[in-house]
């Protein structure tokens, strides 16, 4: 399972079926609480190599494009029929039985089965946010891209520069200005709001 900062931050559940990975986007991530139902949106099958990727997808239209391998391990499919998939995971974070049930054309629900590995009231996503491969969060992977680290390189060195129409000191690296916003650090969440009256 990967955590991907794309148009929206979401988890990608991938289960191998032959030579491909069946895939679902899970916006809120998995849960070990059997009482929690999580939306899972089916997406196209992926090549097996996609499950090995951790880094930054270049050219991401929204979001940083950062991907981490949030959890991994063998999966045993115990039931596979139209509209229903049951499986047992043997991961570092996710263990035991899970089930996917289709409730609409592009809507499935992911639930944890009631077994010995269930943890009612827990939040595994908040408890263990980092990659099982590197111990890094998706924010750290995204930050490496801005710093030219191992997960991505900047096309050119960052340096202070004066923007068109800007008065005063040059804008420092990693900061953007606009006539409608205060200073915003690249890689941090921000809301830009236009207030014509100033």
C-alpha atoms as a PDB file:
ATOM      1  CA  UNK A   1       0.000   0.000   0.000  1.00  0.00           C
ATOM      2  CA  UNK A   2       1.371   3.391  -1.028  1.00  0.00           C
ATOM      3  CA  UNK A   3       0.571   6.903   0.165  1.00  0.00           C
ATOM      4  CA  UNK A   4       0.443   9.364  -2.735  1.00  0.00           C
ATOM      5  CA  UNK A   5       0.200  13.150  -2.658  1.00  0.00           C
ATOM      6  CA  UNK A   6      -1.564  13.814  -5.975  1.00  0.00           C
ATOM      7  CA  UNK A   7      -4.724  15.848  -6.696  1.00  0.00           C
ATOM      8  CA  UNK A   8      -5.732  14.713  -3.216  1.00  0.00           C
ATOM      9  CA  UNK A   9      -3.668  12.862  -0.642  1.00  0.00           C
ATOM     10  CA  UNK A  10      -4.733   9.208  -0.776  1.00  0.00           C
ATOM     11  CA  UNK A  11      -3.611   5.644  -0.224  1.00  0.00           C
ATOM     12  CA  UNK A  12      -3.234   3.187  -3.105  1.00  0.00           C
ATOM     13  CA  UNK A  13      -4.229  -0.365  -2.183  1.00  0.00           C
ATOM     14  CA  UNK A  14      -2.574  -2.785  -4.604  1.00  0.00           C
ATOM     15  CA  UNK A  15      -3.154  -6.546  -4.709  1.00  0.00           C
ATOM     16  CA  UNK A  16      -1.257  -8.717  -7.155  1.00  0.00           C
ATOM     17  CA  UNK A  17      -3.364 -10.694  -9.622  1.00  0.00           C
ATOM     18  CA  UNK A  18      -1.102 -12.556 -12.011  1.00  0.00           C
ATOM     19  CA  UNK A  19       1.219 -10.089 -13.723  1.00  0.00           C
ATOM     20  CA  UNK A  20      -0.636  -6.923 -12.681  1.00  0.00           C
ATOM     21  CA  UNK A  21      -1.606  -5.076  -9.513  1.00  0.00           C
ATOM     22  CA  UNK A  22      -5.338  -4.569  -9.001  1.00  0.00           C
ATOM     23  CA  UNK A  23      -5.625  -1.106  -7.504  1.00  0.00           C
ATOM     24  CA  UNK A  24      -8.004   1.041  -5.474  1.00  0.00           C
ATOM     25  CA  UNK A  25      -7.544   4.610  -4.245  1.00  0.00           C
ATOM     26  CA  UNK A  26      -8.501   4.874  -0.566  1.00  0.00           C
ATOM     27  CA  UNK A  27      -8.793   8.586   0.342  1.00  0.00           C
ATOM     28  CA  UNK A  28      -8.774   8.191   4.140  1.00  0.00           C
ATOM     29  CA  UNK A  29      -6.546   5.151   4.229  1.00  0.00           C
ATOM     30  CA  UNK A  30      -7.156   1.747   5.797  1.00  0.00           C
ATOM     31  CA  UNK A  31      -8.350   1.040   9.332  1.00  0.00           C
ATOM     32  CA  UNK A  32      -7.863  -1.828  11.758  1.00  0.00           C
ATOM     33  CA  UNK A  33     -11.215  -0.988  13.349  1.00  0.00           C
ATOM     34  CA  UNK A  34     -13.946  -3.319  11.974  1.00  0.00           C
ATOM     35  CA  UNK A  35     -16.534  -0.619  12.630  1.00  0.00           C
ATOM     36  CA  UNK A  36     -14.898   1.792  10.186  1.00  0.00           C
ATOM     37  CA  UNK A  37     -15.928   1.707   6.523  1.00  0.00           C
ATOM     38  CA  UNK A  38     -13.550   3.343   4.053  1.00  0.00           C
ATOM     39  CA  UNK A  39     -14.347   4.441   0.510  1.00  0.00           C
ATOM     40  CA  UNK A  40     -12.176   2.684  -2.104  1.00  0.00           C
ATOM     41  CA  UNK A  41     -12.295   3.885  -5.712  1.00  0.00           C
ATOM     42  CA  UNK A  42     -11.133   1.348  -8.316  1.00  0.00           C
ATOM     43  CA  UNK A  43      -8.445   2.592 -10.705  1.00  0.00           C
ATOM     44  CA  UNK A  44      -6.691   0.931 -13.632  1.00  0.00           C
ATOM     45  CA  UNK A  45      -4.475  -2.094 -13.057  1.00  0.00           C
ATOM     46  CA  UNK A  46      -0.796  -1.251 -12.623  1.00  0.00           C
ATOM     47  CA  UNK A  47       2.405  -3.024 -13.590  1.00  0.00           C
ATOM     48  CA  UNK A  48       4.128  -4.896 -10.776  1.00  0.00           C
ATOM     49  CA  UNK A  49       6.946  -2.344 -10.761  1.00  0.00           C
ATOM     50  CA  UNK A  50       4.512   0.390  -9.681  1.00  0.00           C
ATOM     51  CA  UNK A  51       4.292  -1.176  -6.236  1.00  0.00           C
ATOM     52  CA  UNK A  52       8.051  -0.736  -5.773  1.00  0.00           C
ATOM     53  CA  UNK A  53       8.090   3.008  -6.369  1.00  0.00           C
ATOM     54  CA  UNK A  54       8.946   5.463  -3.615  1.00  0.00           C
ATOM     55  CA  UNK A  55       9.920   8.985  -4.606  1.00  0.00           C
ATOM     56  CA  UNK A  56       8.406  11.880  -6.524  1.00  0.00           C
ATOM     57  CA  UNK A  57       6.376  11.555  -9.713  1.00  0.00           C
ATOM     58  CA  UNK A  58       7.535  14.339 -12.001  1.00  0.00           C
ATOM     59  CA  UNK A  59       4.932  16.447 -13.786  1.00  0.00           C
ATOM     60  CA  UNK A  60       2.247  15.931 -11.118  1.00  0.00           C
ATOM     61  CA  UNK A  61      -0.482  18.475 -12.023  1.00  0.00           C
ATOM     62  CA  UNK A  62      -1.478  18.958  -8.391  1.00  0.00           C
ATOM     63  CA  UNK A  63       0.142  18.021  -5.130  1.00  0.00           C
ATOM     64  CA  UNK A  64       3.836  17.349  -4.675  1.00  0.00           C
ATOM     65  CA  UNK A  65       3.739  13.982  -6.464  1.00  0.00           C
ATOM     66  CA  UNK A  66       5.448  12.353  -3.470  1.00  0.00           C
ATOM     67  CA  UNK A  67       4.874   8.616  -2.962  1.00  0.00           C
ATOM     68  CA  UNK A  68       5.909   6.426  -0.042  1.00  0.00           C
ATOM     69  CA  UNK A  69       5.508   2.694   0.469  1.00  0.00           C
ATOM     70  CA  UNK A  70       3.325   2.931   3.557  1.00  0.00           C
ATOM     71  CA  UNK A  71       3.009  -0.833   4.047  1.00  0.00           C
ATOM     72  CA  UNK A  72       3.832  -4.022   2.178  1.00  0.00           C
ATOM     73  CA  UNK A  73       3.698  -7.771   2.497  1.00  0.00           C
ATOM     74  CA  UNK A  74       2.051 -10.913   1.122  1.00  0.00           C
ATOM     75  CA  UNK A  75      -1.704 -10.963   0.467  1.00  0.00           C
ATOM     76  CA  UNK A  76      -3.789 -14.145   0.395  1.00  0.00           C
ATOM     77  CA  UNK A  77      -7.008 -13.778  -1.572  1.00  0.00           C
ATOM     78  CA  UNK A  78      -9.659 -15.947   0.109  1.00  0.00           C
ATOM     79  CA  UNK A  79     -12.679 -14.916  -1.962  1.00  0.00           C
ATOM     80  CA  UNK A  80     -12.805 -13.266  -5.379  1.00  0.00           C
ATOM     81  CA  UNK A  81     -16.149 -12.868  -7.080  1.00  0.00           C
ATOM     82  CA  UNK A  82     -17.930 -10.025  -8.882  1.00  0.00           C
ATOM     83  CA  UNK A  83     -18.403  -7.169  -6.443  1.00  0.00           C
ATOM     84  CA  UNK A  84     -16.547  -8.767  -3.547  1.00  0.00           C
ATOM     85  CA  UNK A  85     -12.918  -9.446  -2.691  1.00  0.00           C
ATOM     86  CA  UNK A  86     -11.765 -10.888   0.651  1.00  0.00           C
ATOM     87  CA  UNK A  87      -8.087 -11.209   1.531  1.00  0.00           C
ATOM     88  CA  UNK A  88      -5.627 -11.666   4.385  1.00  0.00           C
ATOM     89  CA  UNK A  89      -2.697  -9.258   4.671  1.00  0.00           C
ATOM     90  CA  UNK A  90       0.674 -10.043   6.227  1.00  0.00           C
ATOM     91  CA  UNK A  91       2.156  -6.543   6.388  1.00  0.00           C
ATOM     92  CA  UNK A  92       4.104  -4.573   8.966  1.00  0.00           C
ATOM     93  CA  UNK A  93       1.089  -2.388   9.776  1.00  0.00           C
ATOM     94  CA  UNK A  94      -1.879  -4.197   8.251  1.00  0.00           C
ATOM     95  CA  UNK A  95      -2.447  -7.801   9.262  1.00  0.00           C
ATOM     96  CA  UNK A  96      -5.394 -10.148   9.189  1.00  0.00           C
ATOM     97  CA  UNK A  97      -8.540 -10.175   7.127  1.00  0.00           C
ATOM     98  CA  UNK A  98      -9.974  -7.357   5.019  1.00  0.00           C
ATOM     99  CA  UNK A  99     -12.796  -7.165   2.508  1.00  0.00           C
ATOM    100  CA  UNK A 100     -13.698  -4.952  -0.438  1.00  0.00           C
ATOM    101  CA  UNK A 101     -17.357  -4.764  -1.461  1.00  0.00           C
ATOM    102  CA  UNK A 102     -18.705  -2.877  -4.471  1.00  0.00           C
ATOM    103  CA  UNK A 103     -21.581  -0.533  -3.614  1.00  0.00           C
ATOM    104  CA  UNK A 104     -21.722   1.438  -6.882  1.00  0.00           C
ATOM    105  CA  UNK A 105     -20.231   1.669 -10.348  1.00  0.00           C
ATOM    106  CA  UNK A 106     -17.032   3.291  -9.098  1.00  0.00           C
ATOM    107  CA  UNK A 107     -17.539   2.890  -5.385  1.00  0.00           C
ATOM    108  CA  UNK A 108     -16.254   0.104  -3.170  1.00  0.00           C
ATOM    109  CA  UNK A 109     -16.042  -0.092   0.618  1.00  0.00           C
ATOM    110  CA  UNK A 110     -12.931  -1.368   2.422  1.00  0.00           C
ATOM    111  CA  UNK A 111     -13.446  -2.913   5.878  1.00  0.00           C
ATOM    112  CA  UNK A 112     -11.385  -4.836   8.402  1.00  0.00           C
ATOM    113  CA  UNK A 113     -12.848  -8.198   9.321  1.00  0.00           C
ATOM    114  CA  UNK A 114     -13.531  -9.036  12.964  1.00  0.00           C
ATOM    115  CA  UNK A 115     -10.596 -11.266  13.794  1.00  0.00           C
ATOM    116  CA  UNK A 116      -7.758 -11.468  16.327  1.00  0.00           C
ATOM    117  CA  UNK A 117      -5.831  -8.681  14.560  1.00  0.00           C
ATOM    118  CA  UNK A 118      -8.694  -6.159  14.722  1.00  0.00           C
ATOM    119  CA  UNK A 119      -8.102  -3.068  16.881  1.00  0.00           C
ATOM    120  CA  UNK A 120     -11.395  -1.257  17.567  1.00  0.00           C
ATOM    121  CA  UNK A 121     -10.957   2.469  18.163  1.00  0.00           C
ATOM    122  CA  UNK A 122      -7.454   2.585  16.678  1.00  0.00           C
ATOM    123  CA  UNK A 123      -6.142   4.845  13.901  1.00  0.00           C
ATOM    124  CA  UNK A 124      -3.213   3.091  12.248  1.00  0.00           C
ATOM    125  CA  UNK A 125      -2.799   5.872   9.659  1.00  0.00           C
ATOM    126  CA  UNK A 126      -2.166   8.489  12.365  1.00  0.00           C
ATOM    127  CA  UNK A 127      -0.142   6.128  14.562  1.00  0.00           C
ATOM    128  CA  UNK A 128       2.314   5.047  11.878  1.00  0.00           C
ATOM    129  CA  UNK A 129       2.524   7.616   9.056  1.00  0.00           C
ATOM    130  CA  UNK A 130       5.992   6.780   7.730  1.00  0.00           C
ATOM    131  CA  UNK A 131       7.277   4.504   4.968  1.00  0.00           C
ATOM    132  CA  UNK A 132       8.045   0.899   5.916  1.00  0.00           C
ATOM    133  CA  UNK A 133      11.008   1.016   3.531  1.00  0.00           C
ATOM    134  CA  UNK A 134      12.760   4.222   4.588  1.00  0.00           C
ATOM    135  CA  UNK A 135      11.038   5.475   7.743  1.00  0.00           C
ATOM    136  CA  UNK A 136      10.289   8.778   5.968  1.00  0.00           C
ATOM    137  CA  UNK A 137       6.960  10.597   5.679  1.00  0.00           C
ATOM    138  CA  UNK A 138       5.558  11.743   2.343  1.00  0.00           C
ATOM    139  CA  UNK A 139       6.308  15.350   3.411  1.00  0.00           C
ATOM    140  CA  UNK A 140       9.982  14.479   3.843  1.00  0.00           C
ATOM    141  CA  UNK A 141      10.096  12.824   0.434  1.00  0.00           C
ATOM    142  CA  UNK A 142       8.391  15.875  -1.114  1.00  0.00           C
ATOM    143  CA  UNK A 143      10.843  18.175   0.681  1.00  0.00           C
ATOM    144  CA  UNK A 144      13.818  16.336  -0.802  1.00  0.00           C
ATOM    145  CA  UNK A 145      12.632  17.340  -4.254  1.00  0.00           C
ATOM    146  CA  UNK A 146      12.756  21.017  -3.276  1.00  0.00           C
ATOM    147  CA  UNK A 147      16.240  20.571  -1.799  1.00  0.00           C
ATOM    148  CA  UNK A 148      17.554  18.512  -4.703  1.00  0.00           C
ATOM    149  CA  UNK A 149      17.806  15.368  -2.568  1.00  0.00           C
ATOM    150  CA  UNK A 150      17.788  11.715  -3.614  1.00  0.00           C
ATOM    151  CA  UNK A 151      14.056  11.644  -4.378  1.00  0.00           C
ATOM    152  CA  UNK A 152      14.177  14.342  -7.013  1.00  0.00           C
ATOM    153  CA  UNK A 153      16.255  17.197  -8.315  1.00  0.00           C
ATOM    154  CA  UNK A 154      15.436  20.808  -8.953  1.00  0.00           C
ATOM    155  CA  UNK A 155      15.850  21.876 -12.559  1.00  0.00           C
ATOM    156  CA  UNK A 156      18.052  24.770 -11.463  1.00  0.00           C
ATOM    157  CA  UNK A 157      19.620  26.003  -8.196  1.00  0.00           C
ATOM    158  CA  UNK A 158      17.393  28.111  -5.962  1.00  0.00           C
ATOM    159  CA  UNK A 159      18.578  31.688  -5.526  1.00  0.00           C
ATOM    160  CA  UNK A 160      17.044  34.968  -4.450  1.00  0.00           C
ATOM    161  CA  UNK A 161      15.590  36.997  -7.298  1.00  0.00           C
ATOM    162  CA  UNK A 162      13.482  40.078  -7.831  1.00  0.00           C
ATOM    163  CA  UNK A 163      10.093  39.291  -9.349  1.00  0.00           C
ATOM    164  CA  UNK A 164       8.460  41.528 -11.994  1.00  0.00           C
ATOM    165  CA  UNK A 165       7.022  44.625 -10.339  1.00  0.00           C
ATOM    166  CA  UNK A 166       8.533  43.759  -6.952  1.00  0.00           C
ATOM    167  CA  UNK A 167      10.013  46.536  -4.807  1.00  0.00           C
ATOM    168  CA  UNK A 168      12.483  46.062  -2.014  1.00  0.00           C
ATOM    169  CA  UNK A 169      14.603  43.025  -1.261  1.00  0.00           C
ATOM    170  CA  UNK A 170      14.798  40.100  -3.638  1.00  0.00           C
ATOM    171  CA  UNK A 171      12.517  37.161  -2.903  1.00  0.00           C
ATOM    172  CA  UNK A 172      14.438  34.428  -1.027  1.00  0.00           C
ATOM    173  CA  UNK A 173      14.534  30.849  -2.343  1.00  0.00           C
ATOM    174  CA  UNK A 174      11.399  28.782  -1.836  1.00  0.00           C
ATOM    175  CA  UNK A 175       9.128  31.809  -1.438  1.00  0.00           C
ATOM    176  CA  UNK A 176       6.614  33.104  -3.943  1.00  0.00           C
ATOM    177  CA  UNK A 177       4.772  36.382  -3.911  1.00  0.00           C
ATOM    178  CA  UNK A 178       1.611  37.556  -5.540  1.00  0.00           C
ATOM    179  CA  UNK A 179      -0.418  40.735  -5.383  1.00  0.00           C
ATOM    180  CA  UNK A 180      -3.193  38.797  -3.650  1.00  0.00           C
ATOM    181  CA  UNK A 181      -1.305  36.819  -1.011  1.00  0.00           C
ATOM    182  CA  UNK A 182       1.215  37.010   1.767  1.00  0.00           C
ATOM    183  CA  UNK A 183       4.444  35.056   1.536  1.00  0.00           C
ATOM    184  CA  UNK A 184       3.921  31.351   0.963  1.00  0.00           C
ATOM    185  CA  UNK A 185       6.558  28.671   1.451  1.00  0.00           C
ATOM    186  CA  UNK A 186       6.695  26.140  -1.376  1.00  0.00           C
ATOM    187  CA  UNK A 187       5.770  22.695  -0.124  1.00  0.00           C
ATOM    188  CA  UNK A 188       3.526  24.000   2.659  1.00  0.00           C
ATOM    189  CA  UNK A 189      -0.266  24.136   2.613  1.00  0.00           C
ATOM    190  CA  UNK A 190      -1.678  27.563   1.859  1.00  0.00           C
ATOM    191  CA  UNK A 191      -4.895  29.264   0.830  1.00  0.00           C
ATOM    192  CA  UNK A 192      -4.723  32.161  -1.619  1.00  0.00           C
ATOM    193  CA  UNK A 193      -7.604  34.583  -1.465  1.00  0.00           C
ATOM    194  CA  UNK A 194      -8.050  37.633  -3.661  1.00  0.00           C
ATOM    195  CA  UNK A 195      -9.167  40.715  -1.777  1.00  0.00           C
ATOM    196  CA  UNK A 196      -9.390  43.540  -4.363  1.00  0.00           C
ATOM    197  CA  UNK A 197      -9.894  46.209  -1.689  1.00  0.00           C
ATOM    198  CA  UNK A 198      -6.578  45.291  -0.126  1.00  0.00           C
END
